[in-house]
Amino acid sequence: MSIVDNLEAMLNRGQDSALLRYSLGAEYLKADQTERALGHLGEAVRLDPGYSAAWKLYGKALSALGRHAEAIDALDRGIEVAEAKGDIQAAKEMRVFRKRAERALADAD
Protein backbone atom coordinates (compact mmCIF):
# COMPACT_ATOMS: atom_id res chain seq x y z
CA MET A 1 0.00 0.00 0.00
CA SER A 2 1.37 3.43 -0.97
CA ILE A 3 1.52 6.48 1.26
CA VAL A 4 -1.41 7.98 -0.66
CA ASP A 5 -3.42 4.78 -0.23
CA ASN A 6 -2.78 4.85 3.52
CA LEU A 7 -3.72 8.53 3.80
CA GLU A 8 -6.86 8.05 1.70
CA ALA A 9 -7.82 5.08 3.89
CA MET A 10 -7.49 7.27 6.98
CA LEU A 11 -9.69 9.91 5.37
CA ASN A 12 -12.27 7.28 4.43
CA ARG A 13 -12.34 6.13 8.07
CA GLY A 14 -13.31 9.66 9.09
CA GLN A 15 -9.94 10.75 10.45
CA ASP A 16 -10.11 14.09 8.66
CA SER A 17 -7.75 16.85 9.78
CA ALA A 18 -5.73 19.71 8.36
CA LEU A 19 -2.54 17.65 8.71
CA LEU A 20 -4.05 14.70 6.84
CA ARG A 21 -5.31 16.97 4.06
CA TYR A 22 -1.94 18.73 3.86
CA SER A 23 -0.16 15.38 3.63
CA LEU A 24 -2.48 14.18 0.87
CA GLY A 25 -2.04 17.44 -1.00
CA ALA A 26 1.73 17.25 -0.74
CA GLU A 27 1.78 13.66 -1.99
CA TYR A 28 -0.52 14.45 -4.91
CA LEU A 29 1.68 17.42 -5.84
CA LYS A 30 4.72 15.14 -5.88
CA ALA A 31 2.79 12.78 -8.17
CA ASP A 32 1.87 15.65 -10.55
CA GLN A 33 -1.81 15.29 -9.70
CA THR A 34 -2.22 18.99 -9.06
CA GLU A 35 -6.03 19.13 -9.29
CA ARG A 36 -6.36 16.44 -6.61
CA ALA A 37 -3.71 18.18 -4.52
CA LEU A 38 -5.55 21.48 -4.74
CA GLY A 39 -8.74 20.07 -3.29
CA HIS A 40 -6.97 18.62 -0.28
CA LEU A 41 -4.83 21.70 0.31
CA GLY A 42 -7.88 23.95 0.08
CA GLU A 43 -9.56 21.80 2.71
CA ALA A 44 -6.42 21.94 4.88
CA VAL A 45 -6.46 25.74 5.00
CA ARG A 46 -10.22 25.73 5.58
CA LEU A 47 -9.83 23.35 8.52
CA ASP A 48 -6.86 25.27 9.95
CA PRO A 49 -6.49 28.82 8.60
CA GLY A 50 -3.32 29.18 10.69
CA TYR A 51 -1.44 26.39 8.89
CA SER A 52 1.27 28.30 7.04
CA ALA A 53 2.80 25.26 5.31
CA ALA A 54 -0.62 24.41 3.85
CA TRP A 55 -1.02 27.96 2.54
CA LYS A 56 2.37 27.68 0.86
CA LEU A 57 1.49 24.48 -1.01
CA TYR A 58 -2.03 25.72 -1.75
CA GLY A 59 -0.61 28.82 -3.44
CA LYS A 60 1.95 26.70 -5.28
CA ALA A 61 -0.80 24.37 -6.58
CA LEU A 62 -3.00 27.26 -7.70
CA SER A 63 -0.09 28.77 -9.59
CA ALA A 64 0.79 25.43 -11.19
CA LEU A 65 -2.76 25.30 -12.54
CA GLY A 66 -2.41 28.78 -14.03
CA ARG A 67 -4.68 30.35 -11.43
CA HIS A 68 -2.11 33.02 -10.62
CA ALA A 69 -4.43 35.71 -9.20
CA GLU A 70 -5.89 33.18 -6.75
CA ALA A 71 -2.37 32.00 -5.94
CA ILE A 72 -1.33 35.55 -5.08
CA ASP A 73 -4.32 35.93 -2.75
CA ALA A 74 -3.59 32.58 -1.06
CA LEU A 75 0.10 33.38 -0.69
CA ASP A 76 -0.69 36.82 0.77
CA ARG A 77 -2.84 35.09 3.39
CA GLY A 78 -0.12 32.53 4.00
CA ILE A 79 2.52 35.20 4.44
CA GLU A 80 0.31 36.94 7.04
CA VAL A 81 -0.18 33.67 8.90
CA ALA A 82 3.51 32.75 8.78
CA GLU A 83 4.64 36.16 9.98
CA ALA A 84 2.12 36.13 12.82
CA LYS A 85 3.52 32.76 13.93
CA GLY A 86 7.14 33.82 13.50
CA ASP A 87 7.60 31.28 10.69
CA ILE A 88 10.07 33.48 8.80
CA GLN A 89 11.34 30.79 6.41
CA ALA A 90 7.83 29.88 5.22
CA ALA A 91 7.02 33.57 4.70
CA LYS A 92 10.24 34.01 2.70
CA GLU A 93 9.43 31.01 0.49
CA MET A 94 5.89 32.25 -0.09
CA ARG A 95 7.21 35.66 -1.15
CA VAL A 96 9.31 33.92 -3.80
CA PHE A 97 6.28 31.92 -5.03
CA ARG A 98 4.24 35.13 -5.00
CA LYS A 99 6.75 36.96 -7.20
CA ARG A 100 6.70 34.07 -9.67
CA ALA A 101 2.90 34.14 -9.74
CA GLU A 102 2.92 37.91 -10.31
CA ARG A 103 5.32 37.50 -13.24
CA ALA A 104 3.23 34.70 -14.72
CA LEU A 105 0.09 36.80 -14.37
CA ALA A 106 1.77 39.77 -16.05
CA ASP A 107 3.05 37.55 -18.87
CA ALA A 108 -0.46 36.20 -19.44
CA ASP A 109 -1.81 39.71 -20.10
C-alpha atoms as a PDB file:
ATOM      1  CA  MET A   1       0.000   0.000   0.000  1.00  0.00           C
ATOM      2  CA  SER A   2       1.372   3.427  -0.968  1.00  0.00           C
ATOM      3  CA  ILE A   3       1.518   6.478   1.259  1.00  0.00           C
ATOM      4  CA  VAL A   4      -1.409   7.984  -0.664  1.00  0.00           C
ATOM      5  CA  ASP A   5      -3.418   4.782  -0.230  1.00  0.00           C
ATOM      6  CA  ASN A   6      -2.779   4.848   3.520  1.00  0.00           C
ATOM      7  CA  LEU A   7      -3.717   8.527   3.796  1.00  0.00           C
ATOM      8  CA  GLU A   8      -6.855   8.051   1.700  1.00  0.00           C
ATOM      9  CA  ALA A   9      -7.825   5.077   3.886  1.00  0.00           C
ATOM     10  CA  MET A  10      -7.492   7.275   6.975  1.00  0.00           C
ATOM     11  CA  LEU A  11      -9.691   9.909   5.368  1.00  0.00           C
ATOM     12  CA  ASN A  12     -12.270   7.276   4.428  1.00  0.00           C
ATOM     13  CA  ARG A  13     -12.337   6.128   8.065  1.00  0.00           C
ATOM     14  CA  GLY A  14     -13.307   9.661   9.087  1.00  0.00           C
ATOM     15  CA  GLN A  15      -9.942  10.753  10.446  1.00  0.00           C
ATOM     16  CA  ASP A  16     -10.113  14.092   8.659  1.00  0.00           C
ATOM     17  CA  SER A  17      -7.752  16.846   9.776  1.00  0.00           C
ATOM     18  CA  ALA A  18      -5.730  19.708   8.361  1.00  0.00           C
ATOM     19  CA  LEU A  19      -2.542  17.646   8.706  1.00  0.00           C
ATOM     20  CA  LEU A  20      -4.052  14.705   6.842  1.00  0.00           C
ATOM     21  CA  ARG A  21      -5.310  16.973   4.055  1.00  0.00           C
ATOM     22  CA  TYR A  22      -1.938  18.729   3.858  1.00  0.00           C
ATOM     23  CA  SER A  23      -0.163  15.380   3.630  1.00  0.00           C
ATOM     24  CA  LEU A  24      -2.480  14.176   0.868  1.00  0.00           C
ATOM     25  CA  GLY A  25      -2.041  17.441  -1.003  1.00  0.00           C
ATOM     26  CA  ALA A  26       1.731  17.252  -0.740  1.00  0.00           C
ATOM     27  CA  GLU A  27       1.784  13.657  -1.990  1.00  0.00           C
ATOM     28  CA  TYR A  28      -0.515  14.446  -4.909  1.00  0.00           C
ATOM     29  CA  LEU A  29       1.680  17.425  -5.836  1.00  0.00           C
ATOM     30  CA  LYS A  30       4.724  15.135  -5.879  1.00  0.00           C
ATOM     31  CA  ALA A  31       2.795  12.783  -8.171  1.00  0.00           C
ATOM     32  CA  ASP A  32       1.868  15.650 -10.548  1.00  0.00           C
ATOM     33  CA  GLN A  33      -1.813  15.291  -9.698  1.00  0.00           C
ATOM     34  CA  THR A  34      -2.224  18.991  -9.056  1.00  0.00           C
ATOM     35  CA  GLU A  35      -6.034  19.126  -9.290  1.00  0.00           C
ATOM     36  CA  ARG A  36      -6.359  16.443  -6.612  1.00  0.00           C
ATOM     37  CA  ALA A  37      -3.706  18.176  -4.521  1.00  0.00           C
ATOM     38  CA  LEU A  38      -5.546  21.482  -4.742  1.00  0.00           C
ATOM     39  CA  GLY A  39      -8.745  20.065  -3.289  1.00  0.00           C
ATOM     40  CA  HIS A  40      -6.972  18.617  -0.281  1.00  0.00           C
ATOM     41  CA  LEU A  41      -4.832  21.702   0.305  1.00  0.00           C
ATOM     42  CA  GLY A  42      -7.884  23.949   0.077  1.00  0.00           C
ATOM     43  CA  GLU A  43      -9.558  21.802   2.706  1.00  0.00           C
ATOM     44  CA  ALA A  44      -6.422  21.941   4.885  1.00  0.00           C
ATOM     45  CA  VAL A  45      -6.460  25.744   4.999  1.00  0.00           C
ATOM     46  CA  ARG A  46     -10.224  25.729   5.577  1.00  0.00           C
ATOM     47  CA  LEU A  47      -9.830  23.353   8.524  1.00  0.00           C
ATOM     48  CA  ASP A  48      -6.857  25.272   9.947  1.00  0.00           C
ATOM     49  CA  PRO A  49      -6.487  28.822   8.595  1.00  0.00           C
ATOM     50  CA  GLY A  50      -3.316  29.183  10.687  1.00  0.00           C
ATOM     51  CA  TYR A  51      -1.442  26.386   8.891  1.00  0.00           C
ATOM     52  CA  SER A  52       1.270  28.298   7.043  1.00  0.00           C
ATOM     53  CA  ALA A  53       2.795  25.263   5.305  1.00  0.00           C
ATOM     54  CA  ALA A  54      -0.621  24.410   3.852  1.00  0.00           C
ATOM     55  CA  TRP A  55      -1.025  27.958   2.544  1.00  0.00           C
ATOM     56  CA  LYS A  56       2.368  27.681   0.858  1.00  0.00           C
ATOM     57  CA  LEU A  57       1.491  24.477  -1.009  1.00  0.00           C
ATOM     58  CA  TYR A  58      -2.035  25.721  -1.748  1.00  0.00           C
ATOM     59  CA  GLY A  59      -0.609  28.820  -3.441  1.00  0.00           C
ATOM     60  CA  LYS A  60       1.948  26.701  -5.282  1.00  0.00           C
ATOM     61  CA  ALA A  61      -0.797  24.368  -6.575  1.00  0.00           C
ATOM     62  CA  LEU A  62      -3.002  27.263  -7.699  1.00  0.00           C
ATOM     63  CA  SER A  63      -0.095  28.774  -9.594  1.00  0.00           C
ATOM     64  CA  ALA A  64       0.791  25.430 -11.190  1.00  0.00           C
ATOM     65  CA  LEU A  65      -2.764  25.295 -12.538  1.00  0.00           C
ATOM     66  CA  GLY A  66      -2.411  28.779 -14.032  1.00  0.00           C
ATOM     67  CA  ARG A  67      -4.685  30.348 -11.425  1.00  0.00           C
ATOM     68  CA  HIS A  68      -2.115  33.019 -10.619  1.00  0.00           C
ATOM     69  CA  ALA A  69      -4.431  35.711  -9.195  1.00  0.00           C
ATOM     70  CA  GLU A  70      -5.888  33.181  -6.751  1.00  0.00           C
ATOM     71  CA  ALA A  71      -2.375  31.998  -5.939  1.00  0.00           C
ATOM     72  CA  ILE A  72      -1.327  35.550  -5.080  1.00  0.00           C
ATOM     73  CA  ASP A  73      -4.315  35.927  -2.746  1.00  0.00           C
ATOM     74  CA  ALA A  74      -3.588  32.581  -1.062  1.00  0.00           C
ATOM     75  CA  LEU A  75       0.099  33.377  -0.688  1.00  0.00           C
ATOM     76  CA  ASP A  76      -0.694  36.815   0.775  1.00  0.00           C
ATOM     77  CA  ARG A  77      -2.843  35.088   3.395  1.00  0.00           C
ATOM     78  CA  GLY A  78      -0.119  32.529   4.001  1.00  0.00           C
ATOM     79  CA  ILE A  79       2.517  35.204   4.438  1.00  0.00           C
ATOM     80  CA  GLU A  80       0.313  36.941   7.036  1.00  0.00           C
ATOM     81  CA  VAL A  81      -0.181  33.668   8.901  1.00  0.00           C
ATOM     82  CA  ALA A  82       3.506  32.750   8.775  1.00  0.00           C
ATOM     83  CA  GLU A  83       4.636  36.162   9.976  1.00  0.00           C
ATOM     84  CA  ALA A  84       2.116  36.133  12.823  1.00  0.00           C
ATOM     85  CA  LYS A  85       3.516  32.763  13.933  1.00  0.00           C
ATOM     86  CA  GLY A  86       7.141  33.818  13.501  1.00  0.00           C
ATOM     87  CA  ASP A  87       7.605  31.283  10.687  1.00  0.00           C
ATOM     88  CA  ILE A  88      10.068  33.477   8.802  1.00  0.00           C
ATOM     89  CA  GLN A  89      11.341  30.788   6.411  1.00  0.00           C
ATOM     90  CA  ALA A  90       7.827  29.881   5.217  1.00  0.00           C
ATOM     91  CA  ALA A  91       7.024  33.568   4.701  1.00  0.00           C
ATOM     92  CA  LYS A  92      10.243  34.011   2.703  1.00  0.00           C
ATOM     93  CA  GLU A  93       9.433  31.010   0.488  1.00  0.00           C
ATOM     94  CA  MET A  94       5.889  32.248  -0.093  1.00  0.00           C
ATOM     95  CA  ARG A  95       7.210  35.657  -1.153  1.00  0.00           C
ATOM     96  CA  VAL A  96       9.310  33.919  -3.800  1.00  0.00           C
ATOM     97  CA  PHE A  97       6.282  31.925  -5.026  1.00  0.00           C
ATOM     98  CA  ARG A  98       4.235  35.126  -5.002  1.00  0.00           C
ATOM     99  CA  LYS A  99       6.751  36.962  -7.204  1.00  0.00           C
ATOM    100  CA  ARG A 100       6.701  34.071  -9.672  1.00  0.00           C
ATOM    101  CA  ALA A 101       2.897  34.135  -9.742  1.00  0.00           C
ATOM    102  CA  GLU A 102       2.922  37.907 -10.313  1.00  0.00           C
ATOM    103  CA  ARG A 103       5.323  37.503 -13.243  1.00  0.00           C
ATOM    104  CA  ALA A 104       3.234  34.703 -14.724  1.00  0.00           C
ATOM    105  CA  LEU A 105       0.090  36.796 -14.365  1.00  0.00           C
ATOM    106  CA  ALA A 106       1.769  39.771 -16.054  1.00  0.00           C
ATOM    107  CA  ASP A 107       3.050  37.549 -18.872  1.00  0.00           C
ATOM    108  CA  ALA A 108      -0.458  36.196 -19.436  1.00  0.00           C
ATOM    109  CA  ASP A 109      -1.812  39.712 -20.097  1.00  0.00           C
END
